[in-house]
Amino acid sequence: MTEESVSFKAGALMLEGRFARPPSEGAVPGAVVCHPHPLYGGSMDNNVVAAILNALWAMSFATLRFNFRGVGHSEGSHGDGTAEIEDVAAAVRFLGAQPGVRRDGVVLAGYSFGARVALNAAPGIAEVASVIAVALPVSMREPPSMAGWDKPLVLVAGDRDSFCNVRDIEAFRAQVTPHPVLKLIMGADHFFAGFESELSEQIGQVMRGASSV
């Protein structure tokens, strides 16, 4: 899929991103992908972000990946995951305003820090229909409560992830109603090095299964 560089406003800040849309005569569904922790080198140029995008492109989604405030050429400074909620909402609005992209039914995906921000942002964005949370760092910080969230949620984790321990992610899953789908990738740690293709395949299987229900 060919991506083009874009920029969009989040409040008073200008953020950078990359947008891709598959060729189609009709409107296609859209997805926004959020990157890992900025203070530890996280950006939209990440192997897990790329793996998520590959899964979405295989299902003919238009996509927007972007750099949170203070990352790359995005203006502003790190907001500890709170200010970044505004970035996510702005990204969803921007994506929905693109020609040939559906405004509703948006998939919001994130990895690690990006997964936590996505889950915090999703309940407040009406256009978001489902969330994919990869390696949600439940073993490092208290996860979002997701109170009132009744839309599909997909959790993906490696079984060797010390930041997203299997016991902790299963406990989080049990607290959310309806219970999210949880996919474990055997042998993978938090960074999924060498497991990118399997990650894409697992996300694709779950998303295709959900769309056929």
Protein backbone atom coordinates (compact mmCIF):
# COMPACT_ATOMS: atom_id res chain seq x y z
CA MET A 1 0.00 0.00 0.00
CA THR A 2 1.30 3.46 -0.89
CA GLU A 3 1.21 6.00 1.92
CA GLU A 4 1.31 9.76 1.59
CA SER A 5 2.64 12.20 4.17
CA VAL A 6 -0.09 14.31 5.77
CA SER A 7 -0.49 16.77 8.62
CA PHE A 8 -3.51 17.66 10.73
CA LYS A 9 -4.44 19.80 13.71
CA ALA A 10 -4.94 18.52 17.25
CA GLY A 11 -6.07 21.59 19.15
CA ALA A 12 -3.39 24.20 18.60
CA LEU A 13 -0.78 21.63 17.52
CA MET A 14 0.09 20.30 14.08
CA LEU A 15 0.76 16.56 13.94
CA GLU A 16 2.40 14.55 11.18
CA GLY A 17 1.15 11.28 9.81
CA ARG A 18 0.92 8.95 6.85
CA PHE A 19 -2.34 8.14 5.09
CA ALA A 20 -3.13 5.26 2.76
CA ARG A 21 -6.32 4.39 0.91
CA PRO A 22 -6.85 1.27 -1.22
CA PRO A 23 -8.24 1.72 -4.73
CA SER A 24 -12.01 1.38 -4.57
CA GLU A 25 -15.05 2.80 -6.32
CA GLY A 26 -16.95 3.05 -3.04
CA ALA A 27 -16.18 4.30 0.45
CA VAL A 28 -13.83 2.08 2.44
CA PRO A 29 -13.57 1.60 6.23
CA GLY A 30 -10.84 3.47 8.08
CA ALA A 31 -8.38 2.68 10.85
CA VAL A 32 -6.10 4.82 13.00
CA VAL A 33 -2.92 3.23 14.41
CA CYS A 34 -1.18 4.57 17.54
CA HIS A 35 2.52 4.03 18.23
CA PRO A 36 4.41 2.95 21.39
CA HIS A 37 5.89 5.12 24.14
CA PRO A 38 7.58 8.31 22.87
CA LEU A 39 10.01 8.50 25.80
CA TYR A 40 11.44 5.09 24.88
CA GLY A 41 11.93 5.71 21.18
CA GLY A 42 8.37 4.97 20.07
CA SER A 43 7.13 6.50 16.83
CA MET A 44 4.95 5.64 13.86
CA ASP A 45 8.06 4.02 12.31
CA ASN A 46 7.80 0.86 14.40
CA ASN A 47 7.78 -2.83 13.49
CA VAL A 48 4.56 -3.57 15.38
CA VAL A 49 2.80 -0.54 13.90
CA ALA A 50 3.84 -1.84 10.46
CA ALA A 51 2.52 -5.32 11.29
CA ILE A 52 -0.85 -3.87 12.33
CA LEU A 53 -0.99 -1.83 9.13
CA ASN A 54 -0.25 -4.90 6.99
CA ALA A 55 -3.20 -6.71 8.56
CA LEU A 56 -5.51 -3.76 7.91
CA TRP A 57 -4.32 -3.26 4.35
CA ALA A 58 -4.99 -6.93 3.60
CA MET A 59 -8.63 -6.21 4.53
CA SER A 60 -8.75 -3.07 2.31
CA PHE A 61 -8.83 -0.51 5.12
CA ALA A 62 -7.77 3.07 4.63
CA THR A 63 -5.24 3.82 7.36
CA LEU A 64 -3.71 6.71 9.22
CA ARG A 65 -0.61 6.27 11.35
CA PHE A 66 0.72 9.38 13.04
CA ASN A 67 3.26 10.67 15.52
CA PHE A 68 1.92 11.77 18.88
CA ARG A 69 2.68 15.30 20.06
CA GLY A 70 6.38 15.90 20.58
CA VAL A 71 7.46 12.99 18.35
CA GLY A 72 9.23 13.47 15.03
CA HIS A 73 7.86 16.56 13.33
CA SER A 74 4.67 16.66 15.42
CA GLU A 75 4.44 19.82 17.52
CA GLY A 76 4.08 19.97 21.30
CA SER A 77 5.50 17.83 24.06
CA HIS A 78 4.75 14.48 25.66
CA GLY A 79 1.53 14.45 27.70
CA ASP A 80 1.89 11.18 29.65
CA GLY A 81 -0.95 9.59 27.68
CA THR A 82 -3.56 12.13 28.76
CA ALA A 83 -3.00 14.94 26.26
CA GLU A 84 -2.53 12.29 23.57
CA ILE A 85 -6.23 11.43 23.81
CA GLU A 86 -6.84 14.69 21.93
CA ASP A 87 -4.35 13.54 19.28
CA VAL A 88 -6.30 10.32 18.73
CA ALA A 89 -9.63 12.13 18.42
CA ALA A 90 -8.09 14.56 15.91
CA ALA A 91 -6.66 11.66 13.90
CA VAL A 92 -10.08 9.98 13.70
CA ARG A 93 -11.67 13.23 12.53
CA PHE A 94 -8.99 13.75 9.91
CA LEU A 95 -9.29 10.21 8.58
CA GLY A 96 -13.07 10.47 8.32
CA ALA A 97 -12.77 13.70 6.36
CA GLN A 98 -10.73 12.08 3.58
CA PRO A 99 -12.53 11.41 0.27
CA GLY A 100 -13.61 7.82 -0.12
CA VAL A 101 -13.28 6.93 3.56
CA ARG A 102 -16.26 6.05 5.73
CA ARG A 103 -16.80 8.39 8.66
CA ASP A 104 -18.25 5.68 10.87
CA GLY A 105 -17.08 2.20 11.79
CA VAL A 106 -13.50 3.30 12.50
CA VAL A 107 -11.05 0.75 13.90
CA LEU A 108 -8.69 2.21 16.50
CA ALA A 109 -5.50 0.21 16.97
CA GLY A 110 -2.52 0.76 19.22
CA TYR A 111 0.63 -0.89 20.48
CA SER A 112 1.82 -0.68 24.11
CA PHE A 113 1.54 3.01 25.13
CA GLY A 114 -0.53 3.51 21.99
CA ALA A 115 -2.89 0.73 23.06
CA ARG A 116 -3.44 2.40 26.43
CA VAL A 117 -4.13 5.78 24.82
CA ALA A 118 -6.46 4.15 22.28
CA LEU A 119 -8.49 2.47 25.02
CA ASN A 120 -8.74 5.70 27.00
CA ALA A 121 -9.80 7.63 23.90
CA ALA A 122 -12.22 5.15 22.32
CA PRO A 123 -15.27 5.57 24.61
CA GLY A 124 -15.35 9.30 23.83
CA ILE A 125 -15.20 8.97 20.04
CA ALA A 126 -18.55 7.98 18.53
CA GLU A 127 -17.03 7.01 15.18
CA VAL A 128 -14.88 4.27 16.74
CA ALA A 129 -16.53 0.86 16.30
CA SER A 130 -13.77 -1.40 17.61
CA VAL A 131 -10.31 -1.35 19.19
CA ILE A 132 -7.25 -3.54 18.66
CA ALA A 133 -4.90 -3.32 21.65
CA VAL A 134 -1.51 -4.97 21.13
CA ALA A 135 0.72 -5.54 24.17
CA LEU A 136 -1.35 -3.35 26.48
CA PRO A 137 1.11 -2.64 29.36
CA VAL A 138 -1.20 -3.89 32.11
CA SER A 139 1.73 -5.11 34.21
CA MET A 140 3.21 -1.60 34.41
CA ARG A 141 0.20 0.68 34.90
CA GLU A 142 -3.43 0.31 35.88
CA PRO A 143 -5.41 -0.36 32.68
CA PRO A 144 -8.43 1.71 31.64
CA SER A 145 -11.68 0.66 33.28
CA MET A 146 -13.61 0.58 29.98
CA ALA A 147 -16.81 1.23 31.93
CA GLY A 148 -19.67 1.68 29.48
CA TRP A 149 -17.68 0.29 26.54
CA ASP A 150 -19.85 -2.27 24.73
CA LYS A 151 -18.14 -2.49 21.34
CA PRO A 152 -15.67 -5.12 20.10
CA LEU A 153 -12.21 -5.13 21.67
CA VAL A 154 -9.35 -7.35 20.52
CA LEU A 155 -6.36 -7.95 22.81
CA VAL A 156 -3.12 -9.38 21.42
CA ALA A 157 -0.06 -10.23 23.51
CA GLY A 158 3.06 -12.36 23.47
CA ASP A 159 3.19 -15.06 26.11
CA ARG A 160 6.69 -13.90 27.13
CA ASP A 161 5.80 -10.23 27.56
CA SER A 162 6.88 -8.99 31.01
CA PHE A 163 5.06 -5.66 30.50
CA CYS A 164 1.84 -7.44 29.52
CA ASN A 165 1.96 -10.57 31.62
CA VAL A 166 -0.49 -13.29 30.54
CA ARG A 167 -2.06 -13.45 33.99
CA ASP A 168 -2.57 -9.67 34.06
CA ILE A 169 -4.02 -9.38 30.57
CA GLU A 170 -6.38 -12.28 31.29
CA ALA A 171 -7.50 -10.51 34.48
CA PHE A 172 -8.14 -7.32 32.51
CA ARG A 173 -10.11 -9.27 29.91
CA ALA A 174 -12.30 -10.76 32.66
CA GLN A 175 -13.17 -7.27 33.92
CA VAL A 176 -14.47 -6.00 30.56
CA THR A 177 -18.02 -6.80 29.44
CA PRO A 178 -18.55 -8.13 26.85
CA HIS A 179 -15.28 -10.03 27.24
CA PRO A 180 -12.72 -9.08 24.57
CA VAL A 181 -11.11 -11.56 22.24
CA LEU A 182 -7.62 -12.40 23.52
CA LYS A 183 -4.98 -13.78 21.15
CA LEU A 184 -1.67 -14.99 22.59
CA ILE A 185 1.37 -15.35 20.35
CA MET A 186 3.60 -18.09 21.69
CA GLY A 187 7.27 -17.17 22.05
CA ALA A 188 6.82 -13.44 21.52
CA ASP A 189 7.87 -10.82 24.03
CA HIS A 190 6.79 -7.17 24.22
CA PHE A 191 8.60 -6.19 21.03
CA PHE A 192 7.44 -9.00 18.68
CA ALA A 193 10.81 -9.18 16.89
CA GLY A 194 10.56 -12.04 14.43
CA PHE A 195 6.83 -12.43 15.08
CA GLU A 196 5.54 -9.57 12.93
CA SER A 197 3.98 -11.82 10.27
CA GLU A 198 2.22 -13.95 12.86
CA LEU A 199 0.95 -10.80 14.56
CA SER A 200 -0.53 -9.59 11.26
CA GLU A 201 -2.12 -12.98 10.62
CA GLN A 202 -3.69 -13.17 14.08
CA ILE A 203 -5.16 -9.67 13.81
CA GLY A 204 -6.50 -10.45 10.35
CA GLN A 205 -8.13 -13.69 11.48
CA VAL A 206 -9.90 -12.01 14.37
CA MET A 207 -11.06 -9.03 12.33
CA ARG A 208 -12.34 -11.16 9.45
CA GLY A 209 -14.14 -13.39 11.91
CA ALA A 210 -15.80 -10.41 13.60
CA SER A 211 -16.95 -8.96 10.27
CA SER A 212 -18.59 -12.24 9.25
CA VAL A 213 -20.78 -12.47 12.36
